[in-house]
C-alpha atoms as a PDB file:
ATOM      1  CA  MET A   1     -10.423  12.814 -22.415  1.00  0.00           C
ATOM      2  CA  ARG A   2      -8.763   9.854 -24.856  1.00  0.00           C
ATOM      3  CA  ARG A   3      -4.513   9.900 -25.578  1.00  0.00           C
ATOM      4  CA  VAL A   4      -3.280   9.810 -28.423  1.00  0.00           C
ATOM      5  CA  LEU A   5       0.487   9.013 -30.633  1.00  0.00           C
ATOM      6  CA  LEU A   6       0.653  11.578 -32.228  1.00  0.00           C
ATOM      7  CA  GLY A   7       2.106  10.060 -36.288  1.00  0.00           C
ATOM      8  CA  ALA A   8       1.100  10.421 -39.201  1.00  0.00           C
ATOM      9  CA  ALA A   9      -2.066   9.504 -38.253  1.00  0.00           C
ATOM     10  CA  VAL A  10      -3.877  10.381 -35.200  1.00  0.00           C
ATOM     11  CA  LYS A  11      -4.315   6.982 -33.438  1.00  0.00           C
ATOM     12  CA  GLU A  12      -6.473   6.464 -30.819  1.00  0.00           C
ATOM     13  CA  VAL A  13      -4.968   4.132 -28.281  1.00  0.00           C
ATOM     14  CA  ILE A  14      -7.585   3.718 -25.567  1.00  0.00           C
ATOM     15  CA  GLY A  15      -8.825   0.195 -25.316  1.00  0.00           C
ATOM     16  CA  GLN A  16      -6.736  -0.831 -27.867  1.00  0.00           C
ATOM     17  CA  LEU A  17      -5.444  -4.342 -28.009  1.00  0.00           C
ATOM     18  CA  VAL A  18      -1.643  -4.808 -28.221  1.00  0.00           C
ATOM     19  CA  GLY A  19       0.166  -7.315 -29.032  1.00  0.00           C
ATOM     20  CA  GLY A  20      -2.696  -9.634 -29.537  1.00  0.00           C
ATOM     21  CA  THR A  21      -2.716  -9.340 -25.363  1.00  0.00           C
ATOM     22  CA  PHE A  22      -2.551  -5.894 -23.359  1.00  0.00           C
ATOM     23  CA  GLN A  23      -5.165  -4.030 -23.803  1.00  0.00           C
ATOM     24  CA  ILE A  24      -4.761  -0.237 -23.073  1.00  0.00           C
ATOM     25  CA  ASN A  25      -7.357   1.191 -20.344  1.00  0.00           C
ATOM     26  CA  GLY A  26      -5.404   4.536 -19.666  1.00  0.00           C
ATOM     27  CA  PHE A  27      -2.308   6.672 -19.921  1.00  0.00           C
ATOM     28  CA  VAL A  28       0.110   7.289 -17.092  1.00  0.00           C
ATOM     29  CA  CYS A  29       2.132  10.093 -18.576  1.00  0.00           C
ATOM     30  CA  GLU A  30       4.951  10.592 -21.322  1.00  0.00           C
ATOM     31  CA  GLY A  31       8.184  11.403 -21.207  1.00  0.00           C
ATOM     32  CA  ARG A  32      11.538  11.870 -23.962  1.00  0.00           C
ATOM     33  CA  ILE A  33      11.065   8.956 -26.195  1.00  0.00           C
ATOM     34  CA  ALA A  34       7.830   6.950 -24.710  1.00  0.00           C
ATOM     35  CA  GLN A  35       4.273   7.468 -23.143  1.00  0.00           C
ATOM     36  CA  LEU A  36       3.228   5.742 -20.823  1.00  0.00           C
ATOM     37  CA  PHE A  37       0.356   3.071 -20.323  1.00  0.00           C
ATOM     38  CA  SER A  38      -1.994   0.986 -17.756  1.00  0.00           C
ATOM     39  CA  ALA A  39      -3.099  -1.598 -19.393  1.00  0.00           C
ATOM     40  CA  LEU A  40      -4.305  -5.112 -18.138  1.00  0.00           C
ATOM     41  CA  ARG A  41      -4.466  -9.044 -19.730  1.00  0.00           C
ATOM     42  CA  GLU A  42      -5.670 -11.999 -18.772  1.00  0.00           C
ATOM     43  CA  LYS A  43      -2.626 -13.888 -16.949  1.00  0.00           C
ATOM     44  CA  SER A  44      -1.370 -12.827 -13.987  1.00  0.00           C
ATOM     45  CA  PRO A  45       0.019 -10.239 -13.194  1.00  0.00           C
ATOM     46  CA  ARG A  46      -2.648  -8.924 -14.316  1.00  0.00           C
ATOM     47  CA  HIS A  47      -1.881  -5.240 -13.855  1.00  0.00           C
ATOM     48  CA  VAL A  48       0.882  -3.978 -16.753  1.00  0.00           C
ATOM     49  CA  ALA A  49       2.351  -0.741 -17.936  1.00  0.00           C
ATOM     50  CA  LEU A  50       3.014  -0.571 -20.932  1.00  0.00           C
ATOM     51  CA  LYS A  51       5.936   2.133 -22.728  1.00  0.00           C
ATOM     52  CA  VAL A  52       5.053   2.908 -26.074  1.00  0.00           C
ATOM     53  CA  MET A  53       7.550   4.952 -27.814  1.00  0.00           C
ATOM     54  CA  LEU A  54       6.506   8.266 -29.389  1.00  0.00           C
ATOM     55  CA  PRO A  55       6.797   7.986 -33.106  1.00  0.00           C
ATOM     56  CA  THR A  56       9.288  11.007 -33.954  1.00  0.00           C
ATOM     57  CA  PHE A  57      11.159   7.227 -32.567  1.00  0.00           C
ATOM     58  CA  ALA A  58       9.178   4.376 -33.001  1.00  0.00           C
ATOM     59  CA  GLU A  59      10.124   5.683 -36.516  1.00  0.00           C
ATOM     60  CA  ASP A  60      14.073   6.101 -36.533  1.00  0.00           C
ATOM     61  CA  ARG A  61      14.847   2.751 -37.440  1.00  0.00           C
ATOM     62  CA  GLU A  62      18.045   2.152 -35.265  1.00  0.00           C
ATOM     63  CA  ALA A  63      16.551   4.016 -32.516  1.00  0.00           C
ATOM     64  CA  ALA A  64      13.724   1.708 -32.050  1.00  0.00           C
ATOM     65  CA  ARG A  65      15.818  -1.413 -33.185  1.00  0.00           C
ATOM     66  CA  GLN A  66      18.409  -0.323 -29.747  1.00  0.00           C
ATOM     67  CA  PHE A  67      13.966  -0.183 -27.772  1.00  0.00           C
ATOM     68  CA  GLN A  68      13.765  -3.681 -28.310  1.00  0.00           C
ATOM     69  CA  ALA A  69      17.510  -4.871 -28.025  1.00  0.00           C
ATOM     70  CA  ALA A  70      17.338  -3.469 -24.710  1.00  0.00           C
ATOM     71  CA  ALA A  71      13.911  -4.904 -23.437  1.00  0.00           C
ATOM     72  CA  ALA A  72      15.667  -7.699 -25.361  1.00  0.00           C
ATOM     73  CA  ARG A  73      18.305  -7.741 -22.658  1.00  0.00           C
ATOM     74  CA  ALA A  74      15.714  -5.823 -19.596  1.00  0.00           C
ATOM     75  CA  LYS A  75      14.114  -9.527 -19.879  1.00  0.00           C
ATOM     76  CA  LYS A  76      16.399 -11.780 -18.869  1.00  0.00           C
ATOM     77  CA  LEU A  77      16.759  -9.814 -15.726  1.00  0.00           C
ATOM     78  CA  ASP A  78      14.245 -12.477 -13.119  1.00  0.00           C
ATOM     79  CA  HIS A  79      14.320 -11.479  -9.356  1.00  0.00           C
ATOM     80  CA  GLY A  80      12.260  -9.396  -7.546  1.00  0.00           C
ATOM     81  CA  SER A  81      14.277  -6.248  -6.880  1.00  0.00           C
ATOM     82  CA  PHE A  82      13.888  -5.720 -10.806  1.00  0.00           C
ATOM     83  CA  VAL A  83      10.651  -4.122 -12.384  1.00  0.00           C
ATOM     84  CA  ALA A  84      10.317  -7.210 -14.604  1.00  0.00           C
ATOM     85  CA  VAL A  85       9.661  -7.145 -18.438  1.00  0.00           C
ATOM     86  CA  LEU A  86       7.133  -9.579 -19.698  1.00  0.00           C
ATOM     87  CA  ALA A  87       7.162  -8.740 -23.209  1.00  0.00           C
ATOM     88  CA  HIS A  88       8.229  -6.378 -25.899  1.00  0.00           C
ATOM     89  CA  GLY A  89       7.696  -6.337 -29.997  1.00  0.00           C
ATOM     90  CA  GLU A  90       6.028  -4.148 -32.235  1.00  0.00           C
ATOM     91  CA  ASP A  91       2.428  -3.807 -33.420  1.00  0.00           C
ATOM     92  CA  ARG A  92       0.864  -1.170 -36.163  1.00  0.00           C
ATOM     93  CA  GLY A  93       4.028   0.151 -35.977  1.00  0.00           C
ATOM     94  CA  TRP A  94       4.299   1.318 -32.230  1.00  0.00           C
ATOM     95  CA  GLN A  95       7.679   0.088 -30.590  1.00  0.00           C
ATOM     96  CA  TYR A  96       6.394  -1.400 -26.856  1.00  0.00           C
ATOM     97  CA  VAL A  97       7.663  -3.033 -24.149  1.00  0.00           C
ATOM     98  CA  ALA A  98       5.375  -4.632 -21.203  1.00  0.00           C
ATOM     99  CA  THR A  99       5.844  -4.514 -17.679  1.00  0.00           C
ATOM    100  CA  GLU A 100       4.626  -5.212 -15.225  1.00  0.00           C
ATOM    101  CA  MET A 101       2.247  -2.405 -12.856  1.00  0.00           C
ATOM    102  CA  VAL A 102       4.376  -1.517  -9.422  1.00  0.00           C
ATOM    103  CA  PHE A 103       1.980  -0.472  -7.017  1.00  0.00           C
ATOM    104  CA  GLY A 104       4.122   2.527  -5.196  1.00  0.00           C
ATOM    105  CA  GLU A 105       6.213   5.360  -5.219  1.00  0.00           C
ATOM    106  CA  ASN A 106       9.356   6.323  -6.886  1.00  0.00           C
ATOM    107  CA  LEU A 107      12.436   7.701  -5.182  1.00  0.00           C
ATOM    108  CA  ALA A 108      11.481  11.168  -6.700  1.00  0.00           C
ATOM    109  CA  SER A 109       7.587  11.314  -4.734  1.00  0.00           C
ATOM    110  CA  TYR A 110       9.196   9.465  -1.989  1.00  0.00           C
ATOM    111  CA  VAL A 111      11.874  12.576  -0.999  1.00  0.00           C
ATOM    112  CA  GLN A 112       9.791  15.000  -1.699  1.00  0.00           C
ATOM    113  CA  THR A 113       7.428  14.405   0.575  1.00  0.00           C
ATOM    114  CA  ARG A 114       9.861  13.546   3.455  1.00  0.00           C
ATOM    115  CA  GLY A 115      12.485  15.441   2.915  1.00  0.00           C
ATOM    116  CA  PRO A 116      15.968  14.081   3.116  1.00  0.00           C
ATOM    117  CA  LEU A 117      16.059  10.596   4.664  1.00  0.00           C
ATOM    118  CA  ALA A 118      17.794  10.103   7.744  1.00  0.00           C
ATOM    119  CA  LEU A 119      21.362   8.436   7.123  1.00  0.00           C
ATOM    120  CA  PRO A 120      20.478   4.961   7.728  1.00  0.00           C
ATOM    121  CA  ASP A 121      17.744   4.612   6.145  1.00  0.00           C
ATOM    122  CA  ALA A 122      19.320   5.870   2.621  1.00  0.00           C
ATOM    123  CA  LEU A 123      22.133   3.882   2.703  1.00  0.00           C
ATOM    124  CA  ARG A 124      19.712   0.576   3.486  1.00  0.00           C
ATOM    125  CA  ILE A 125      17.922   1.912   0.214  1.00  0.00           C
ATOM    126  CA  ALA A 126      21.878   2.894  -2.172  1.00  0.00           C
ATOM    127  CA  LEU A 127      22.651  -0.227  -0.759  1.00  0.00           C
ATOM    128  CA  GLU A 128      19.526  -2.189  -2.276  1.00  0.00           C
ATOM    129  CA  ILE A 129      19.989  -0.757  -5.568  1.00  0.00           C
ATOM    130  CA  THR A 130      23.980  -1.594  -5.674  1.00  0.00           C
ATOM    131  CA  LYS A 131      22.564  -4.639  -4.750  1.00  0.00           C
ATOM    132  CA  THR A 132      20.640  -4.921  -7.888  1.00  0.00           C
ATOM    133  CA  LEU A 133      23.120  -3.118 -10.083  1.00  0.00           C
ATOM    134  CA  GLU A 134      25.666  -6.595  -9.052  1.00  0.00           C
ATOM    135  CA  TYR A 135      21.987  -9.004 -10.124  1.00  0.00           C
ATOM    136  CA  GLY A 136      21.877  -7.335 -13.484  1.00  0.00           C
ATOM    137  CA  TYR A 137      25.908  -7.217 -13.922  1.00  0.00           C
ATOM    138  CA  ALA A 138      25.963 -10.935 -13.363  1.00  0.00           C
ATOM    139  CA  GLN A 139      23.291 -10.517 -16.930  1.00  0.00           C
ATOM    140  CA  GLY A 140      25.718  -8.966 -18.315  1.00  0.00           C
ATOM    141  CA  VAL A 141      23.613  -5.695 -18.257  1.00  0.00           C
ATOM    142  CA  VAL A 142      23.941  -2.101 -17.108  1.00  0.00           C
ATOM    143  CA  HIS A 143      21.454   0.112 -16.263  1.00  0.00           C
ATOM    144  CA  GLY A 144      23.993   3.443 -16.956  1.00  0.00           C
ATOM    145  CA  GLY A 145      20.719   5.538 -16.684  1.00  0.00           C
ATOM    146  CA  LEU A 146      19.504   5.535 -12.859  1.00  0.00           C
ATOM    147  CA  ARG A 147      17.196   8.150 -11.680  1.00  0.00           C
ATOM    148  CA  PRO A 148      14.578   8.456  -8.483  1.00  0.00           C
ATOM    149  CA  SER A 149      11.999   8.370 -11.312  1.00  0.00           C
ATOM    150  CA  ASN A 150      13.408   4.329 -12.194  1.00  0.00           C
ATOM    151  CA  VAL A 151      13.707   3.557  -8.052  1.00  0.00           C
ATOM    152  CA  PHE A 152      10.375   2.481  -6.707  1.00  0.00           C
ATOM    153  CA  ILE A 153       9.310   1.837  -2.992  1.00  0.00           C
ATOM    154  CA  THR A 154       7.001  -0.496  -2.545  1.00  0.00           C
ATOM    155  CA  ARG A 155       5.242  -2.054   0.442  1.00  0.00           C
ATOM    156  CA  ASP A 156       3.434  -5.677   1.034  1.00  0.00           C
ATOM    157  CA  VAL A 157      -0.420  -5.280   1.744  1.00  0.00           C
ATOM    158  CA  GLU A 158       0.025  -7.481   3.765  1.00  0.00           C
ATOM    159  CA  ALA A 159       2.839  -6.301   5.899  1.00  0.00           C
ATOM    160  CA  PRO A 160       2.702  -2.636   4.645  1.00  0.00           C
ATOM    161  CA  GLU A 161       5.349  -1.775   7.409  1.00  0.00           C
ATOM    162  CA  VAL A 162       7.874  -3.565   4.840  1.00  0.00           C
ATOM    163  CA  GLU A 163      10.115  -1.773   1.941  1.00  0.00           C
ATOM    164  CA  HIS A 164      10.439  -3.514  -1.711  1.00  0.00           C
ATOM    165  CA  VAL A 165      13.210  -1.245  -3.368  1.00  0.00           C
ATOM    166  CA  ARG A 166      12.329  -2.181  -7.056  1.00  0.00           C
ATOM    167  CA  VAL A 167      14.890  -1.089  -9.695  1.00  0.00           C
ATOM    168  CA  ALA A 168      13.227  -0.233 -13.699  1.00  0.00           C
ATOM    169  CA  ASP A 169      14.480   0.571 -17.052  1.00  0.00           C
ATOM    170  CA  PHE A 170      18.000  -1.405 -17.427  1.00  0.00           C
ATOM    171  CA  GLY A 171      19.685  -0.792 -20.092  1.00  0.00           C
ATOM    172  CA  MET A 172      17.580   1.238 -21.531  1.00  0.00           C
ATOM    173  CA  ALA A 173      20.235   4.771 -20.479  1.00  0.00           C
ATOM    174  CA  GLU A 174      21.607   4.415 -25.050  1.00  0.00           C
ATOM    175  CA  VAL A 175      18.004   4.074 -26.825  1.00  0.00           C
ATOM    176  CA  ALA A 176      18.778   7.521 -28.450  1.00  0.00           C
ATOM    177  CA  VAL A 177      22.059   8.630 -26.933  1.00  0.00           C
ATOM    178  CA  SER A 178      21.414  11.684 -28.926  1.00  0.00           C
ATOM    179  CA  MET A 179      17.735  13.087 -26.596  1.00  0.00           C
ATOM    180  CA  ARG A 180      18.969  11.403 -23.791  1.00  0.00           C
ATOM    181  CA  PRO A 181      17.902  13.993 -20.657  1.00  0.00           C
ATOM    182  CA  LEU A 182      20.827  15.528 -19.437  1.00  0.00           C
ATOM    183  CA  ASP A 183      20.198  16.435 -15.692  1.00  0.00           C
ATOM    184  CA  GLY A 184      22.359  15.832 -12.273  1.00  0.00           C
ATOM    185  CA  PHE A 185      22.065  12.547 -12.461  1.00  0.00           C
ATOM    186  CA  THR A 186      24.040  11.795 -15.406  1.00  0.00           C
ATOM    187  CA  SER A 187      27.927  10.832 -15.410  1.00  0.00           C
ATOM    188  CA  PRO A 188      30.389  13.388 -16.505  1.00  0.00           C
ATOM    189  CA  GLU A 189      31.639  10.216 -19.399  1.00  0.00           C
ATOM    190  CA  GLN A 190      28.110  10.548 -20.185  1.00  0.00           C
ATOM    191  CA  ALA A 191      27.831  13.787 -20.513  1.00  0.00           C
ATOM    192  CA  ARG A 192      30.684  13.707 -22.733  1.00  0.00           C
ATOM    193  CA  ASP A 193      28.224  11.122 -25.111  1.00  0.00           C
ATOM    194  CA  ALA A 194      30.655   7.974 -23.786  1.00  0.00           C
ATOM    195  CA  PRO A 195      28.816   5.430 -23.709  1.00  0.00           C
ATOM    196  CA  ALA A 196      27.989   4.283 -19.256  1.00  0.00           C
ATOM    197  CA  GLY A 197      29.626   0.993 -17.724  1.00  0.00           C
ATOM    198  CA  PRO A 198      29.660  -0.275 -14.183  1.00  0.00           C
ATOM    199  CA  ALA A 199      31.049   3.169 -13.157  1.00  0.00           C
ATOM    200  CA  SER A 200      27.972   5.202 -14.392  1.00  0.00           C
ATOM    201  CA  ASP A 201      26.239   2.823 -12.215  1.00  0.00           C
ATOM    202  CA  VAL A 202      28.667   3.775  -9.243  1.00  0.00           C
ATOM    203  CA  TYR A 203      28.248   7.696 -10.331  1.00  0.00           C
ATOM    204  CA  GLY A 204      24.682   6.922 -10.285  1.00  0.00           C
ATOM    205  CA  VAL A 205      23.630   5.580  -6.712  1.00  0.00           C
ATOM    206  CA  GLY A 206      26.089   8.115  -5.184  1.00  0.00           C
ATOM    207  CA  ALA A 207      23.932  11.440  -7.276  1.00  0.00           C
ATOM    208  CA  LEU A 208      21.080   9.483  -5.954  1.00  0.00           C
ATOM    209  CA  LEU A 209      22.408   8.962  -2.422  1.00  0.00           C
ATOM    210  CA  HIS A 210      22.385  13.129  -2.723  1.00  0.00           C
ATOM    211  CA  TRP A 211      19.188  13.337  -3.807  1.00  0.00           C
ATOM    212  CA  MET A 212      18.072  11.133  -0.822  1.00  0.00           C
ATOM    213  CA  LEU A 213      20.423  12.561   2.328  1.00  0.00           C
ATOM    214  CA  THR A 214      19.980  16.024   0.681  1.00  0.00           C
ATOM    215  CA  GLY A 215      16.337  16.193  -0.782  1.00  0.00           C
ATOM    216  CA  THR A 216      18.374  19.027  -4.267  1.00  0.00           C
ATOM    217  CA  ALA A 217      19.927  16.523  -7.497  1.00  0.00           C
ATOM    218  CA  PRO A 218      23.020  17.788  -8.001  1.00  0.00           C
ATOM    219  CA  PHE A 219      23.046  20.726 -10.040  1.00  0.00           C
ATOM    220  CA  ALA A 220      19.247  21.182  -9.499  1.00  0.00           C
ATOM    221  CA  GLU A 221      18.989  24.547 -10.955  1.00  0.00           C
ATOM    222  CA  LEU A 222      21.181  24.926 -13.378  1.00  0.00           C
ATOM    223  CA  SER A 223      20.433  23.508 -17.682  1.00  0.00           C
ATOM    224  CA  GLY A 224      21.793  23.473 -20.559  1.00  0.00           C
ATOM    225  CA  ASP A 225      25.439  24.063 -21.420  1.00  0.00           C
ATOM    226  CA  ALA A 226      25.862  25.981 -18.019  1.00  0.00           C
ATOM    227  CA  LEU A 227      23.902  22.338 -16.533  1.00  0.00           C
ATOM    228  CA  ARG A 228      26.831  20.271 -19.072  1.00  0.00           C
ATOM    229  CA  GLN A 229      29.600  22.406 -17.853  1.00  0.00           C
ATOM    230  CA  ALA A 230      28.920  21.360 -14.199  1.00  0.00           C
ATOM    231  CA  ILE A 231      28.760  18.285 -14.666  1.00  0.00           C
ATOM    232  CA  LEU A 232      32.519  17.882 -16.534  1.00  0.00           C
ATOM    233  CA  ARG A 233      33.794  21.027 -13.106  1.00  0.00           C
ATOM    234  CA  GLU A 234      32.145  21.563 -10.503  1.00  0.00           C
ATOM    235  CA  LYS A 235      32.724  18.937  -7.691  1.00  0.00           C
ATOM    236  CA  LEU A 236      29.905  17.280  -5.265  1.00  0.00           C
ATOM    237  CA  PRO A 237      29.171  17.570  -2.845  1.00  0.00           C
ATOM    238  CA  ARG A 238      29.170  21.907  -2.548  1.00  0.00           C
ATOM    239  CA  GLU A 239      30.537  23.651   0.184  1.00  0.00           C
ATOM    240  CA  ALA A 240      27.628  24.099   1.750  1.00  0.00           C
ATOM    241  CA  ASP A 241      26.143  20.562   1.855  1.00  0.00           C
ATOM    242  CA  ILE A 242      29.286  19.401   3.236  1.00  0.00           C
ATOM    243  CA  ARG A 243      28.863  20.437   7.047  1.00  0.00           C
ATOM    244  CA  ALA A 244      25.803  18.962   7.137  1.00  0.00           C
ATOM    245  CA  LEU A 245      26.204  15.874   5.917  1.00  0.00           C
ATOM    246  CA  GLY A 246      29.992  14.904   7.003  1.00  0.00           C
ATOM    247  CA  PRO A 247      33.092  13.565   7.132  1.00  0.00           C
ATOM    248  CA  ASP A 248      32.122  10.247   6.550  1.00  0.00           C
ATOM    249  CA  VAL A 249      29.388  10.691   3.802  1.00  0.00           C
ATOM    250  CA  THR A 250      31.982  13.237   2.273  1.00  0.00           C
ATOM    251  CA  SER A 251      34.148  10.815   1.826  1.00  0.00           C
ATOM    252  CA  LEU A 252      32.839   8.268   0.401  1.00  0.00           C
ATOM    253  CA  PHE A 253      31.293  10.637  -2.460  1.00  0.00           C
ATOM    254  CA  ALA A 254      34.692  11.070  -3.159  1.00  0.00           C
ATOM    255  CA  ARG A 255      35.554   7.763  -4.079  1.00  0.00           C
ATOM    256  CA  VAL A 256      31.759   7.922  -6.560  1.00  0.00           C
ATOM    257  CA  LEU A 257      31.319  11.509  -8.038  1.00  0.00           C
ATOM    258  CA  THR A 258      34.735  12.003  -9.179  1.00  0.00           C
ATOM    259  CA  LYS A 259      34.434  13.055 -12.527  1.00  0.00           C
ATOM    260  CA  GLU A 260      37.739  10.875 -13.684  1.00  0.00           C
ATOM    261  CA  ALA A 261      35.429   6.965 -13.911  1.00  0.00           C
ATOM    262  CA  GLY A 262      39.034   5.333 -13.774  1.00  0.00           C
ATOM    263  CA  LYS A 263      39.141   7.053 -10.161  1.00  0.00           C
ATOM    264  CA  ARG A 264      35.607   6.307  -8.617  1.00  0.00           C
ATOM    265  CA  MET A 265      34.448   2.860  -7.086  1.00  0.00           C
ATOM    266  CA  ALA A 266      34.893   0.417 -10.583  1.00  0.00           C
ATOM    267  CA  SER A 267      32.088  -2.008  -9.919  1.00  0.00           C
ATOM    268  CA  ALA A 268      28.697  -2.455  -7.709  1.00  0.00           C
ATOM    269  CA  SER A 269      30.405  -4.720  -4.779  1.00  0.00           C
ATOM    270  CA  GLU A 270      33.163  -2.473  -4.972  1.00  0.00           C
ATOM    271  CA  LEU A 271      30.201   0.074  -3.664  1.00  0.00           C
ATOM    272  CA  SER A 272      28.142  -2.676  -1.393  1.00  0.00           C
ATOM    273  CA  ALA A 273      30.891  -3.484   0.550  1.00  0.00           C
ATOM    274  CA  ALA A 274      31.621   1.095   1.192  1.00  0.00           C
ATOM    275  CA  LEU A 275      27.750   1.119   1.704  1.00  0.00           C
ATOM    276  CA  THR A 276      27.711  -1.834   3.866  1.00  0.00           C
ATOM    277  CA  ALA A 277      31.228   0.286   5.814  1.00  0.00           C
ATOM    278  CA  LEU A 278      29.363   2.900   6.693  1.00  0.00           C
ATOM    279  CA  GLY A 279      26.614   1.721   8.044  1.00  0.00           C
ATOM    280  CA  HIS A 280      28.447  -0.260  10.766  1.00  0.00           C
ATOM    281  CA  HIS A 281      30.676   2.432  11.251  1.00  0.00           C
ATOM    282  CA  THR A 282      27.322   4.892  11.072  1.00  0.00           C
ATOM    283  CA  ALA A 283      25.018   2.546  13.609  1.00  0.00           C
ATOM    284  CA  ALA A 284      28.383   2.168  15.768  1.00  0.00           C
ATOM    285  CA  GLN A 285      28.914   6.086  16.111  1.00  0.00           C
ATOM    286  CA  ALA A 286      24.354   5.970  16.973  1.00  0.00           C
ATOM    287  CA  GLN A 287      25.426   4.000  19.739  1.00  0.00           C
ATOM    288  CA  LYS A 288      28.605   5.162  21.542  1.00  0.00           C
ATOM    289  CA  PRO A 289      29.360   8.157  23.665  1.00  0.00           C
ATOM    290  CA  VAL A 290      30.993  11.167  22.434  1.00  0.00           C
ATOM    291  CA  GLY A 291      35.103  10.423  22.569  1.00  0.00           C
ATOM    292  CA  SER A 292      34.310   6.645  22.436  1.00  0.00           C
ATOM    293  CA  GLY A 293      36.224   4.816  19.877  1.00  0.00           C
ATOM    294  CA  THR A 294      34.279   3.902  16.433  1.00  0.00           C
ATOM    295  CA  VAL A 295      34.549   0.307  16.090  1.00  0.00           C
ATOM    296  CA  PRO A 296      31.287  -1.415  16.111  1.00  0.00           C
ATOM    297  CA  THR A 297      31.139  -4.302  18.984  1.00  0.00           C
ATOM    298  CA  ALA A 298      29.571  -7.619  16.815  1.00  0.00           C
ATOM    299  CA  ASP A 299      25.938  -7.246  18.749  1.00  0.00           C
ATOM    300  CA  GLU A 300      25.651  -3.994  15.602  1.00  0.00           C
ATOM    301  CA  ALA A 301      28.153  -5.714  13.312  1.00  0.00           C
ATOM    302  CA  ALA A 302      25.936  -8.464  13.236  1.00  0.00           C
ATOM    303  CA  ALA A 303      22.322  -6.483  13.097  1.00  0.00           C
ATOM    304  CA  LEU A 304      24.230  -4.586   9.840  1.00  0.00           C
ATOM    305  CA  ASP A 305      25.568  -7.817   8.315  1.00  0.00           C
ATOM    306  CA  GLU A 306      21.895  -8.946   8.505  1.00  0.00           C
ATOM    307  CA  LEU A 307      20.660  -6.283   6.539  1.00  0.00           C
ATOM    308  CA  THR A 308      23.440  -6.782   4.431  1.00  0.00           C
ATOM    309  CA  VAL A 309      22.388 -10.687   3.753  1.00  0.00           C
ATOM    310  CA  SER A 310      18.526  -9.407   4.038  1.00  0.00           C
ATOM    311  CA  THR A 311      19.247  -6.888   1.190  1.00  0.00           C
ATOM    312  CA  GLN A 312      20.821  -9.884  -0.859  1.00  0.00           C
ATOM    313  CA  ARG A 313      18.066 -11.843  -0.124  1.00  0.00           C
ATOM    314  CA  THR A 314      14.553 -10.551   0.007  1.00  0.00           C
ATOM    315  CA  GLY A 315      15.833  -6.345  -2.080  1.00  0.00           C
ATOM    316  CA  LYS A 316      13.473  -5.047   0.710  1.00  0.00           C
ATOM    317  CA  HIS A 317      13.800  -3.875   4.824  1.00  0.00           C
ATOM    318  CA  THR A 318      11.578  -2.501   7.240  1.00  0.00           C
ATOM    319  CA  ALA A 319      10.566   1.772   7.073  1.00  0.00           C
ATOM    320  CA  VAL A 320      11.311   3.109  10.343  1.00  0.00           C
ATOM    321  CA  ALA A 321      11.105   6.474  10.601  1.00  0.00           C
ATOM    322  CA  ALA A 322      10.042   7.691   7.058  1.00  0.00           C
ATOM    323  CA  ASP A 323       6.727   6.233   7.396  1.00  0.00           C
ATOM    324  CA  HIS A 324       3.577   8.022   6.201  1.00  0.00           C
ATOM    325  CA  PRO A 325       1.353   8.278   9.718  1.00  0.00           C
ATOM    326  CA  LEU A 326      -1.244   6.257   8.132  1.00  0.00           C
ATOM    327  CA  VAL A 327       0.765   3.245   6.257  1.00  0.00           C
ATOM    328  CA  GLY A 328      -0.528   0.268   7.762  1.00  0.00           C
END
């Protein structure tokens, strides 16, 4: 069945050439403001993801301008941890953004199929996301909309035990603000319709870490105004989760999920340091018998420092307990 964009007239898009370069060959999904298609082009990378604004938004001149401006900012981000923006523009009234096609699974699927992750695995992924934010900030781009759906876990074809963390949709959160989806990953300031900043991304990483460790999104059972009020007022983690998470993780959450942005960790670099320190502490605790000290040995610290350096350099880590038994 062919998918169509519905506007003043029905436009069939499968098989269409967009921007003179991208030939649409399949429909992937539909979101609040856009439909996502798979497409091919002649040069590498041949496989492309093509995001096309829904007509309701494309016909809104300001929304279309924001969409293109966000794509232009994201196109500046040239690092292996980003989902690269290849092109953007308008064709026959279609507002589009073309990115590389990511082969793997997003963080939503990753956790749903495996259940809550072990703390070391969740910390590694959170650290890689945070390092990606740092690269974005160096180019003047805030993400502002971290979700399990736009963080991807991919693997090397030739080394399937190696995972890469890739982040998409930088800067897209401010497009059509009035229709921005409200969910448990929305920061309190954004729930008040204030613009996103680095502290909003700190909150977003905290919410993703909550998702990875508990298997549930913050306030997942709520919607509408009840959800908004919970984001603005209810403490995270909830009492039911505190015992399972432990005091060290709960202490970190207190610094990243606080309601007031000014009392949160102010930057991705500060969060990165905190995640690394917690990783050191976790490794030390795992290695030492009950009742011993908690300071990591030189070897433990060196191993975790190497993880941090590897994350900074390559944006990838070796998968461990969460692997699917068929991978490889």
